Protein backbone atom coordinates (compact mmCIF):
# COMPACT_ATOMS: atom_id res chain seq x y z
CA MET A 1 -123.28 -78.96 93.95
CA LEU A 2 -124.86 -77.81 90.68
CA ALA A 3 -124.01 -81.11 89.03
CA THR A 4 -125.75 -82.97 91.84
CA LEU A 5 -128.88 -80.88 91.47
CA LYS A 6 -129.23 -82.03 87.86
CA ASN A 7 -129.69 -85.64 88.97
CA HIS A 8 -133.43 -85.36 89.70
CA PRO A 9 -132.86 -84.97 93.47
CA PHE A 10 -136.57 -85.18 94.38
CA ALA A 11 -139.77 -86.72 93.05
CA VAL A 12 -141.86 -84.56 90.71
CA GLU A 13 -145.57 -84.78 89.90
CA ALA A 14 -147.74 -83.30 87.16
CA PHE A 15 -150.96 -83.74 85.24
CA PHE A 16 -150.85 -84.43 81.52
CA ASN A 17 -153.73 -82.68 79.77
CA SER A 18 -152.54 -84.49 76.68
CA SER A 19 -149.52 -86.26 75.27
CA LEU A 20 -149.30 -86.78 71.51
CA VAL A 21 -146.40 -88.96 70.35
CA LEU A 22 -145.25 -89.63 66.80
CA THR A 23 -142.82 -92.55 66.62
CA PHE A 24 -140.52 -92.96 63.64
CA ALA A 25 -138.84 -96.22 62.63
CA VAL A 26 -135.21 -95.81 61.55
CA PRO A 27 -132.69 -98.42 60.34
CA LYS A 28 -130.92 -99.20 63.61
CA GLU A 29 -127.41 -98.38 62.36
CA GLN A 30 -128.37 -94.73 61.98
CA LEU A 31 -129.31 -94.19 65.63
CA GLN A 32 -126.44 -96.07 67.25
CA SER A 33 -124.12 -93.05 67.35
CA LEU A 34 -126.78 -90.92 69.11
CA ILE A 35 -126.91 -92.99 72.31
CA PRO A 36 -124.23 -93.47 75.00
CA GLU A 37 -122.19 -96.64 75.42
CA CYS A 38 -124.19 -97.89 78.41
CA LEU A 39 -127.43 -98.16 76.43
CA SER A 40 -128.56 -100.38 73.58
CA LEU A 41 -131.23 -99.64 71.01
CA ASP A 42 -134.68 -101.10 71.61
CA THR A 43 -135.29 -102.68 68.21
CA PHE A 44 -138.04 -104.39 66.25
CA GLN A 45 -137.21 -107.38 64.02
CA ASP A 46 -133.54 -106.62 64.72
CA LYS A 47 -133.78 -104.02 61.96
CA TRP A 48 -135.69 -100.99 63.16
CA ALA A 49 -134.85 -98.60 65.98
CA PHE A 50 -137.18 -95.79 67.00
CA VAL A 51 -137.12 -92.08 67.70
CA ALA A 52 -140.22 -90.45 69.17
CA VAL A 53 -141.42 -86.86 68.97
CA ALA A 54 -143.62 -86.09 71.97
CA MET A 55 -145.86 -83.05 72.39
CA VAL A 56 -146.95 -82.86 76.01
CA GLU A 57 -149.32 -80.31 77.53
CA THR A 58 -148.47 -80.39 81.22
CA LYS A 59 -150.28 -78.83 84.19
CA ASP A 60 -149.22 -78.20 87.80
CA LEU A 61 -145.67 -79.55 87.51
CA ARG A 62 -144.09 -79.36 90.97
CA PRO A 63 -142.05 -81.30 93.54
CA LYS A 64 -144.21 -84.20 94.68
CA GLY A 65 -146.33 -83.38 97.71
CA LEU A 66 -146.42 -79.60 97.24
CA PRO A 67 -149.78 -77.90 96.60
CA LYS A 68 -150.92 -77.45 93.00
CA PHE A 69 -150.77 -73.65 93.11
CA LEU A 70 -146.97 -73.92 93.28
CA GLY A 71 -146.92 -75.88 90.03
CA ASN A 72 -146.12 -74.75 86.50
CA ASP A 73 -148.10 -75.20 83.29
CA PHE A 74 -146.13 -75.57 80.08
CA PHE A 75 -145.95 -77.25 76.69
CA LEU A 76 -143.09 -79.58 75.83
CA ILE A 77 -141.73 -80.92 72.57
CA GLY A 78 -139.34 -83.76 73.35
CA TYR A 79 -137.22 -85.95 71.09
CA ARG A 80 -136.41 -89.39 72.52
CA ILE A 81 -134.81 -92.64 71.37
CA PHE A 82 -136.18 -95.99 72.54
CA VAL A 83 -133.43 -97.83 74.43
CA ARG A 84 -132.66 -100.62 76.86
CA TYR A 85 -130.36 -100.70 79.87
CA THR A 86 -129.19 -103.67 81.96
CA ASN A 87 -128.86 -102.57 85.58
CA LYS A 88 -126.51 -103.89 88.25
CA ALA A 89 -129.10 -106.47 89.30
CA GLY A 90 -129.12 -107.85 85.76
CA LYS A 91 -132.61 -106.60 84.95
CA ARG A 92 -133.18 -105.23 81.44
CA LEU A 93 -135.07 -101.95 81.58
CA ARG A 94 -136.91 -100.43 78.63
CA GLY A 95 -136.84 -96.67 78.46
CA LEU A 96 -135.98 -93.50 76.62
CA TYR A 97 -132.86 -91.45 75.97
CA ILE A 98 -133.62 -87.77 75.46
CA ILE A 99 -131.74 -85.98 72.68
CA LYS A 100 -133.57 -82.64 72.66
CA SER A 101 -136.19 -80.80 74.76
CA GLU A 102 -138.11 -77.63 73.90
CA THR A 103 -140.67 -75.73 75.95
CA ASP A 104 -142.79 -72.63 75.54
CA LYS A 105 -141.94 -71.25 79.01
CA LYS A 106 -138.63 -69.64 79.97
CA LYS A 107 -139.25 -70.50 83.62
CA MET A 108 -139.60 -74.17 82.75
CA ALA A 109 -136.40 -74.12 80.71
CA PHE A 110 -134.54 -72.41 83.55
CA MET A 111 -135.76 -74.77 86.27
CA GLY A 112 -135.51 -77.82 84.02
CA ASN A 113 -131.87 -77.08 83.29
CA ILE A 114 -131.10 -76.80 87.01
CA PHE A 115 -132.71 -80.10 88.02
CA THR A 116 -132.28 -82.26 84.88
CA HIS A 117 -129.78 -83.02 82.12
CA TYR A 118 -132.39 -82.51 79.39
CA ASN A 119 -130.93 -79.24 78.05
CA TYR A 120 -134.19 -77.35 77.58
CA THR A 121 -134.46 -74.52 75.09
CA THR A 122 -137.43 -72.22 74.60
CA THR A 123 -139.49 -71.88 71.46
CA ASP A 124 -142.92 -70.70 70.39
CA ILE A 125 -145.60 -73.41 70.49
CA THR A 126 -149.20 -72.89 69.37
CA LYS A 127 -151.97 -75.47 69.65
CA THR A 128 -155.06 -74.76 67.53
CA HIS A 129 -158.29 -76.78 67.41
CA TYR A 130 -160.46 -76.86 64.30
CA ASN A 131 -163.68 -78.75 63.74
CA ASN A 132 -161.96 -81.77 62.22
CA SER A 133 -158.29 -81.36 63.08
CA LEU A 134 -155.68 -80.19 65.57
CA ASP A 135 -152.55 -78.20 64.68
CA ILE A 136 -149.41 -77.94 66.81
CA ILE A 137 -147.04 -75.37 65.35
CA SER A 138 -143.72 -73.77 66.21
CA GLU A 139 -142.56 -71.19 63.68
CA GLN A 140 -139.23 -70.73 65.43
CA SER A 141 -138.48 -74.48 65.33
CA ASN A 142 -140.05 -75.03 61.90
CA PHE A 143 -142.37 -77.60 63.44
CA ASN A 144 -145.89 -78.37 62.26
CA ILE A 145 -148.10 -81.35 63.13
CA THR A 146 -151.72 -81.77 62.00
CA ILE A 147 -153.83 -84.68 63.24
CA SER A 148 -157.43 -85.66 62.57
CA LYS A 149 -159.94 -85.28 65.40
CA THR A 150 -162.75 -87.14 63.66
CA GLU A 151 -161.11 -90.22 62.13
CA THR A 152 -162.29 -93.39 63.91
CA ASP A 153 -161.25 -96.35 61.75
CA ILE A 154 -157.54 -95.60 61.87
CA GLU A 155 -154.98 -97.60 59.93
CA LEU A 156 -151.27 -97.77 60.61
CA PRO A 157 -149.21 -95.21 58.65
CA ASN A 158 -148.06 -96.23 55.20
CA ASN A 159 -144.79 -98.19 55.30
CA SER A 160 -144.98 -98.74 59.07
CA PRO A 161 -142.94 -101.82 60.04
CA PHE A 162 -145.75 -102.96 62.32
CA THR A 163 -148.51 -105.25 61.09
CA ASN A 164 -151.08 -104.23 63.70
CA TRP A 165 -151.73 -101.75 66.49
CA LYS A 166 -150.87 -104.33 69.17
CA GLU A 167 -147.31 -104.49 67.87
CA ALA A 168 -147.20 -100.72 67.51
CA ARG A 169 -148.39 -100.22 71.10
CA ARG A 170 -145.09 -101.64 72.43
CA PHE A 171 -143.37 -98.59 71.00
CA ALA A 172 -145.75 -95.95 72.31
CA GLY A 173 -143.95 -93.56 74.66
CA PRO A 174 -143.28 -92.60 77.25
CA LEU A 175 -141.82 -95.79 78.66
CA PRO A 176 -141.31 -96.48 82.38
CA PHE A 177 -137.70 -95.28 82.50
CA THR A 178 -135.58 -92.41 81.23
CA PHE A 179 -131.77 -92.60 81.25
CA THR A 180 -128.93 -90.09 81.37
CA TYR A 181 -125.24 -90.95 81.23
CA ASN A 182 -122.12 -89.18 82.49
CA LYS A 183 -119.31 -90.41 80.25
CA GLU A 184 -116.53 -89.07 82.50
CA THR A 185 -117.73 -90.72 85.72
CA LYS A 186 -119.44 -93.72 84.03
CA GLU A 187 -122.59 -92.94 86.03
CA VAL A 188 -126.03 -93.89 84.76
CA LEU A 189 -128.94 -91.84 86.07
CA ILE A 190 -132.23 -93.76 86.07
CA ILE A 191 -135.53 -91.90 86.38
CA GLU A 192 -138.68 -93.97 86.79
CA GLY A 193 -142.09 -92.59 85.85
CA VAL A 194 -145.36 -93.75 87.42
CA ARG A 195 -148.61 -93.31 85.49
CA LEU A 196 -152.30 -93.98 86.03
CA ASN A 197 -155.13 -94.63 83.57
CA TRP A 198 -152.66 -95.03 80.71
CA LYS A 199 -154.67 -95.87 77.59
CA PRO A 200 -152.99 -94.62 74.39
CA LYS A 201 -155.36 -94.15 71.47
CA PRO A 202 -154.21 -94.30 67.84
CA VAL A 203 -154.63 -91.09 65.84
CA LYS A 204 -154.29 -90.25 62.16
CA VAL A 205 -151.56 -87.81 61.14
CA ILE A 206 -152.62 -85.59 58.24
CA ASN A 207 -149.22 -83.97 57.70
CA TYR A 208 -146.05 -83.05 59.54
CA THR A 209 -142.90 -80.94 59.26
CA ILE A 210 -140.21 -81.56 61.87
CA ASP A 211 -137.04 -79.59 61.21
CA TYR A 212 -135.00 -81.13 64.04
CA LEU A 213 -135.74 -84.64 62.78
CA ASP A 214 -134.59 -83.56 59.32
CA SER A 215 -131.39 -82.13 60.83
CA LEU A 216 -130.41 -85.62 62.03
CA GLN A 217 -130.10 -86.60 58.35
CA LEU A 218 -131.71 -89.98 58.84
CA ASN A 219 -132.26 -92.03 55.72
CA ASN A 220 -135.26 -94.27 55.04
CA HIS A 221 -137.09 -93.36 58.24
CA VAL A 222 -140.86 -93.80 58.28
CA LEU A 223 -143.70 -92.81 60.56
CA ALA A 224 -144.42 -96.03 62.48
CA ASN A 225 -147.28 -95.05 64.81
CA THR A 226 -149.02 -92.13 66.50
CA PHE A 227 -150.79 -92.28 69.84
CA ILE A 228 -152.43 -89.78 72.15
CA ILE A 229 -153.27 -89.99 75.84
CA GLN A 230 -155.31 -87.45 77.80
CA ASN A 231 -155.99 -86.50 81.42
CA ILE A 232 -153.25 -88.53 83.07
CA PRO A 233 -151.85 -88.06 86.62
CA TYR A 234 -148.11 -88.68 86.43
CA TYR A 235 -145.07 -88.52 88.65
CA TRP A 236 -141.35 -89.20 88.41
CA LYS A 237 -139.45 -90.81 91.25
CA GLN A 238 -136.21 -89.39 92.60
CA GLY A 239 -133.33 -90.26 90.29
CA LYS A 240 -131.11 -93.24 91.05
CA ILE A 241 -127.44 -93.41 90.10
CA GLU A 242 -125.35 -96.50 89.50
CA LEU A 243 -121.91 -97.04 88.01
CA TRP A 244 -121.70 -98.70 84.62
CA LYS A 245 -118.99 -101.37 84.46
């Protein structure tokens, strides 16, 4: 019964006050071991794979259709790999595979671990606005991101594999689907997200420290792009399960 509950048994809705995503390009060989056998890496130029660090300020998260006052507000730091999955109908789906999830609310971690496979842990998360910049900091997780609030003519990060923002936009999360895999039963869980008014804007990163990314011991990874979206209604459909092979 508990295992079934983790499979996103009902639709969920929320409002994103903001979602800031830093996407890192990594030589594809280094991410292959981090994804399950049913998925393939979503690559660029057949060389680069991508891991994204998302900082999402979420409001009124609740089962879809329930009143807002029953929702929960929380901050999320999520680590995701860009992947592809070919479903039983032969359609190739682009999506994300989650490798770590952190939140600032114990209630969110508790409920999230009942109804998802995302293995939430709690940490301290502080968001501080200054005149020209925004800081997102977690002392417990040794996490620190600073972005510019005033930069307008924004260039791609140094050493980004992309040549322009149009290319970079294809790897701006979140993507339509998220996948989970049960190796024992060969079951793939597919969660589809539905978004409105989705217009990611490039932002300039001033500096960053991401301890979890460092712990993966990735070599030659580079910051590929950074986008932010704000004030977005969002919902996730009920999870769908299909057998792989």
